[in-house]
């Protein structure tokens, strides 16, 4: 039987290991964002942090990321509730809002690849910040959306 800790514990009650397991590996939070000066709206870009491994959608230097990228946000239960730029697909955000994890999340599916198969991850959809040029040339909406794809139909025997 699978340990479904995210169903029984509040964010504040999770161990460090459980907290880290909530990350689905989509990489969306590692995309640069802009904020509209007039409306305060968050504008997503398809420009990835230089530390994001765009194949695995994981940080290439997670242990030292905050030293190498000083504005890298360390997620905590309190910050998750305050940050307005986490994508709606984010497990941290979903749980903080009282929602469930979606079918493609590795904790639900049991497979790390489902986040990519479902079209949630940034794999194949982003540009490295070192090659991007001006961020305002890379504004996109998809990081702030949940794709409408449904779970694959399971074959029965």
C-alpha atoms as a PDB file:
ATOM      1  CA  UNK A   1       0.000   0.000   0.000  1.00  0.00           C
ATOM      2  CA  UNK A   2       1.274   3.426  -0.959  1.00  0.00           C
ATOM      3  CA  UNK A   3       1.970   6.052   1.696  1.00  0.00           C
ATOM      4  CA  UNK A   4      -0.491   8.803   0.766  1.00  0.00           C
ATOM      5  CA  UNK A   5       0.849  11.309   3.300  1.00  0.00           C
ATOM      6  CA  UNK A   6      -0.398  14.292   1.274  1.00  0.00           C
ATOM      7  CA  UNK A   7      -3.976  13.191   1.989  1.00  0.00           C
ATOM      8  CA  UNK A   8      -3.586  13.035   5.749  1.00  0.00           C
ATOM      9  CA  UNK A   9      -1.038  15.713   6.646  1.00  0.00           C
ATOM     10  CA  UNK A  10      -1.113  19.467   6.438  1.00  0.00           C
ATOM     11  CA  UNK A  11       1.872  21.061   4.683  1.00  0.00           C
ATOM     12  CA  UNK A  12       3.296  22.100   8.060  1.00  0.00           C
ATOM     13  CA  UNK A  13       3.193  18.507   9.321  1.00  0.00           C
ATOM     14  CA  UNK A  14       5.219  16.991   6.497  1.00  0.00           C
ATOM     15  CA  UNK A  15       8.776  15.807   6.958  1.00  0.00           C
ATOM     16  CA  UNK A  16      11.514  17.274   4.791  1.00  0.00           C
ATOM     17  CA  UNK A  17      11.474  14.166   2.617  1.00  0.00           C
ATOM     18  CA  UNK A  18       7.700  14.292   2.187  1.00  0.00           C
ATOM     19  CA  UNK A  19       7.891  17.992   1.321  1.00  0.00           C
ATOM     20  CA  UNK A  20      10.462  17.330  -1.399  1.00  0.00           C
ATOM     21  CA  UNK A  21       8.387  14.451  -2.796  1.00  0.00           C
ATOM     22  CA  UNK A  22       5.521  16.883  -3.416  1.00  0.00           C
ATOM     23  CA  UNK A  23       7.491  18.475  -6.234  1.00  0.00           C
ATOM     24  CA  UNK A  24       6.221  16.876  -9.434  1.00  0.00           C
ATOM     25  CA  UNK A  25       9.294  17.875 -11.454  1.00  0.00           C
ATOM     26  CA  UNK A  26       7.413  20.003 -13.970  1.00  0.00           C
ATOM     27  CA  UNK A  27       9.900  22.913 -13.888  1.00  0.00           C
ATOM     28  CA  UNK A  28       7.201  25.564 -14.296  1.00  0.00           C
ATOM     29  CA  UNK A  29       8.257  27.413 -11.147  1.00  0.00           C
ATOM     30  CA  UNK A  30      11.768  27.681 -12.631  1.00  0.00           C
ATOM     31  CA  UNK A  31      10.536  29.778 -15.544  1.00  0.00           C
ATOM     32  CA  UNK A  32      11.100  33.514 -15.316  1.00  0.00           C
ATOM     33  CA  UNK A  33       8.071  35.630 -14.592  1.00  0.00           C
ATOM     34  CA  UNK A  34       7.357  39.301 -15.090  1.00  0.00           C
ATOM     35  CA  UNK A  35       4.905  41.478 -13.210  1.00  0.00           C
ATOM     36  CA  UNK A  36       2.841  44.077 -15.050  1.00  0.00           C
ATOM     37  CA  UNK A  37       3.546  47.430 -13.398  1.00  0.00           C
ATOM     38  CA  UNK A  38       0.015  48.721 -13.951  1.00  0.00           C
ATOM     39  CA  UNK A  39      -2.145  45.694 -13.177  1.00  0.00           C
ATOM     40  CA  UNK A  40       0.251  43.760 -10.888  1.00  0.00           C
ATOM     41  CA  UNK A  41      -0.602  40.698 -13.021  1.00  0.00           C
ATOM     42  CA  UNK A  42       1.963  37.905 -13.211  1.00  0.00           C
ATOM     43  CA  UNK A  43       3.151  37.273 -16.755  1.00  0.00           C
ATOM     44  CA  UNK A  44       4.730  33.900 -17.397  1.00  0.00           C
ATOM     45  CA  UNK A  45       7.574  33.385 -19.833  1.00  0.00           C
ATOM     46  CA  UNK A  46       9.037  30.281 -21.423  1.00  0.00           C
ATOM     47  CA  UNK A  47      12.535  31.291 -20.293  1.00  0.00           C
ATOM     48  CA  UNK A  48      14.131  28.798 -17.911  1.00  0.00           C
ATOM     49  CA  UNK A  49      16.513  29.519 -15.072  1.00  0.00           C
ATOM     50  CA  UNK A  50      20.066  28.694 -16.051  1.00  0.00           C
ATOM     51  CA  UNK A  51      20.153  25.911 -13.435  1.00  0.00           C
ATOM     52  CA  UNK A  52      17.122  24.084 -14.813  1.00  0.00           C
ATOM     53  CA  UNK A  53      17.994  20.868 -16.611  1.00  0.00           C
ATOM     54  CA  UNK A  54      15.382  21.117 -19.353  1.00  0.00           C
ATOM     55  CA  UNK A  55      15.448  17.375 -20.043  1.00  0.00           C
ATOM     56  CA  UNK A  56      14.780  16.185 -16.502  1.00  0.00           C
ATOM     57  CA  UNK A  57      12.988  19.418 -15.465  1.00  0.00           C
ATOM     58  CA  UNK A  58      14.980  19.385 -12.228  1.00  0.00           C
ATOM     59  CA  UNK A  59      17.489  21.850 -10.830  1.00  0.00           C
ATOM     60  CA  UNK A  60      21.032  20.946 -11.840  1.00  0.00           C
ATOM     61  CA  UNK A  61      22.433  22.268  -8.545  1.00  0.00           C
ATOM     62  CA  UNK A  62      19.528  22.053  -6.112  1.00  0.00           C
ATOM     63  CA  UNK A  63      21.706  21.990  -2.987  1.00  0.00           C
ATOM     64  CA  UNK A  64      23.402  25.295  -3.901  1.00  0.00           C
ATOM     65  CA  UNK A  65      20.669  26.951  -5.974  1.00  0.00           C
ATOM     66  CA  UNK A  66      20.022  29.834  -3.603  1.00  0.00           C
ATOM     67  CA  UNK A  67      23.712  30.748  -3.496  1.00  0.00           C
ATOM     68  CA  UNK A  68      24.006  30.601  -7.296  1.00  0.00           C
ATOM     69  CA  UNK A  69      20.610  32.220  -8.006  1.00  0.00           C
ATOM     70  CA  UNK A  70      19.908  34.574  -5.073  1.00  0.00           C
ATOM     71  CA  UNK A  71      16.293  35.255  -6.074  1.00  0.00           C
ATOM     72  CA  UNK A  72      15.440  31.542  -6.191  1.00  0.00           C
ATOM     73  CA  UNK A  73      12.451  31.186  -3.880  1.00  0.00           C
ATOM     74  CA  UNK A  74      12.647  28.523  -1.205  1.00  0.00           C
ATOM     75  CA  UNK A  75       9.164  27.128  -0.815  1.00  0.00           C
ATOM     76  CA  UNK A  76       7.787  26.723   2.674  1.00  0.00           C
ATOM     77  CA  UNK A  77       4.204  26.194   3.826  1.00  0.00           C
ATOM     78  CA  UNK A  78       3.973  29.932   4.576  1.00  0.00           C
ATOM     79  CA  UNK A  79       5.522  31.086   1.298  1.00  0.00           C
ATOM     80  CA  UNK A  80       3.361  28.715  -0.761  1.00  0.00           C
ATOM     81  CA  UNK A  81       0.280  30.417   0.666  1.00  0.00           C
ATOM     82  CA  UNK A  82       1.672  33.897  -0.081  1.00  0.00           C
ATOM     83  CA  UNK A  83       3.202  33.448  -3.540  1.00  0.00           C
ATOM     84  CA  UNK A  84       0.854  34.330  -6.370  1.00  0.00           C
ATOM     85  CA  UNK A  85       2.980  32.988  -9.224  1.00  0.00           C
ATOM     86  CA  UNK A  86       3.003  29.255  -8.529  1.00  0.00           C
ATOM     87  CA  UNK A  87       1.272  27.516 -11.423  1.00  0.00           C
ATOM     88  CA  UNK A  88      -2.212  26.113 -10.755  1.00  0.00           C
ATOM     89  CA  UNK A  89      -0.856  22.615 -11.407  1.00  0.00           C
ATOM     90  CA  UNK A  90       1.694  22.902  -8.570  1.00  0.00           C
ATOM     91  CA  UNK A  91       1.191  20.295  -5.834  1.00  0.00           C
ATOM     92  CA  UNK A  92       2.245  22.734  -3.116  1.00  0.00           C
ATOM     93  CA  UNK A  93      -0.290  25.298  -4.288  1.00  0.00           C
ATOM     94  CA  UNK A  94      -3.039  22.712  -4.829  1.00  0.00           C
ATOM     95  CA  UNK A  95      -2.665  21.257  -1.337  1.00  0.00           C
ATOM     96  CA  UNK A  96      -2.471  24.725   0.236  1.00  0.00           C
ATOM     97  CA  UNK A  97      -5.774  25.521  -1.511  1.00  0.00           C
ATOM     98  CA  UNK A  98      -7.386  22.321  -0.217  1.00  0.00           C
ATOM     99  CA  UNK A  99      -7.321  20.587  -3.610  1.00  0.00           C
ATOM    100  CA  UNK A 100      -6.096  17.111  -4.490  1.00  0.00           C
ATOM    101  CA  UNK A 101      -3.126  16.070  -6.555  1.00  0.00           C
ATOM    102  CA  UNK A 102      -3.962  15.403 -10.191  1.00  0.00           C
ATOM    103  CA  UNK A 103      -3.694  12.013 -11.942  1.00  0.00           C
ATOM    104  CA  UNK A 104      -0.329  12.712 -13.561  1.00  0.00           C
ATOM    105  CA  UNK A 105       1.474  13.654 -10.334  1.00  0.00           C
ATOM    106  CA  UNK A 106       4.160  11.002  -9.674  1.00  0.00           C
ATOM    107  CA  UNK A 107       2.834  10.393  -6.147  1.00  0.00           C
ATOM    108  CA  UNK A 108      -0.552   9.476  -7.650  1.00  0.00           C
ATOM    109  CA  UNK A 109       0.538   7.751 -10.869  1.00  0.00           C
ATOM    110  CA  UNK A 110       3.567   6.029  -9.391  1.00  0.00           C
ATOM    111  CA  UNK A 111       5.665   7.127 -12.384  1.00  0.00           C
ATOM    112  CA  UNK A 112       7.880  10.215 -12.748  1.00  0.00           C
ATOM    113  CA  UNK A 113       7.261  10.393 -16.509  1.00  0.00           C
ATOM    114  CA  UNK A 114       3.510  11.044 -16.302  1.00  0.00           C
ATOM    115  CA  UNK A 115       4.131  14.731 -15.582  1.00  0.00           C
ATOM    116  CA  UNK A 116       5.860  14.923 -18.978  1.00  0.00           C
ATOM    117  CA  UNK A 117       3.406  12.641 -20.786  1.00  0.00           C
ATOM    118  CA  UNK A 118       0.500  14.797 -19.605  1.00  0.00           C
ATOM    119  CA  UNK A 119       2.079  17.957 -21.031  1.00  0.00           C
ATOM    120  CA  UNK A 120       2.513  19.561 -17.622  1.00  0.00           C
ATOM    121  CA  UNK A 121       6.293  19.899 -17.650  1.00  0.00           C
ATOM    122  CA  UNK A 122       8.441  22.460 -19.432  1.00  0.00           C
ATOM    123  CA  UNK A 123      10.302  19.723 -21.324  1.00  0.00           C
ATOM    124  CA  UNK A 124      10.679  20.842 -24.952  1.00  0.00           C
ATOM    125  CA  UNK A 125       8.809  24.096 -24.309  1.00  0.00           C
ATOM    126  CA  UNK A 126      11.360  26.496 -22.869  1.00  0.00           C
ATOM    127  CA  UNK A 127      14.393  28.567 -23.747  1.00  0.00           C
ATOM    128  CA  UNK A 128      17.587  28.841 -21.682  1.00  0.00           C
ATOM    129  CA  UNK A 129      17.957  32.280 -20.075  1.00  0.00           C
ATOM    130  CA  UNK A 130      21.465  32.651 -21.520  1.00  0.00           C
ATOM    131  CA  UNK A 131      20.076  32.539 -25.066  1.00  0.00           C
ATOM    132  CA  UNK A 132      16.673  34.159 -24.615  1.00  0.00           C
ATOM    133  CA  UNK A 133      17.249  37.880 -24.939  1.00  0.00           C
ATOM    134  CA  UNK A 134      14.590  40.214 -23.501  1.00  0.00           C
ATOM    135  CA  UNK A 135      12.089  38.387 -21.298  1.00  0.00           C
ATOM    136  CA  UNK A 136       9.174  40.398 -22.641  1.00  0.00           C
ATOM    137  CA  UNK A 137       9.728  38.677 -26.012  1.00  0.00           C
ATOM    138  CA  UNK A 138       8.915  35.331 -24.386  1.00  0.00           C
ATOM    139  CA  UNK A 139       5.591  35.917 -22.644  1.00  0.00           C
ATOM    140  CA  UNK A 140       3.363  32.827 -22.789  1.00  0.00           C
ATOM    141  CA  UNK A 141       0.189  31.715 -21.015  1.00  0.00           C
ATOM    142  CA  UNK A 142       0.620  27.931 -20.743  1.00  0.00           C
ATOM    143  CA  UNK A 143       2.594  27.887 -17.449  1.00  0.00           C
ATOM    144  CA  UNK A 144      -0.424  29.447 -15.756  1.00  0.00           C
ATOM    145  CA  UNK A 145      -2.847  26.872 -17.140  1.00  0.00           C
ATOM    146  CA  UNK A 146      -3.616  23.215 -16.580  1.00  0.00           C
ATOM    147  CA  UNK A 147      -3.821  21.311 -19.872  1.00  0.00           C
ATOM    148  CA  UNK A 148      -7.212  19.838 -20.679  1.00  0.00           C
ATOM    149  CA  UNK A 149      -5.760  16.420 -21.450  1.00  0.00           C
ATOM    150  CA  UNK A 150      -7.370  13.625 -19.555  1.00  0.00           C
ATOM    151  CA  UNK A 151      -5.836  10.584 -17.932  1.00  0.00           C
ATOM    152  CA  UNK A 152      -5.152   7.789 -20.379  1.00  0.00           C
ATOM    153  CA  UNK A 153      -7.866   5.170 -20.537  1.00  0.00           C
ATOM    154  CA  UNK A 154      -6.740   1.985 -18.853  1.00  0.00           C
ATOM    155  CA  UNK A 155      -7.211  -1.155 -20.861  1.00  0.00           C
ATOM    156  CA  UNK A 156      -9.068  -3.941 -19.169  1.00  0.00           C
ATOM    157  CA  UNK A 157      -8.475  -7.586 -19.797  1.00  0.00           C
END
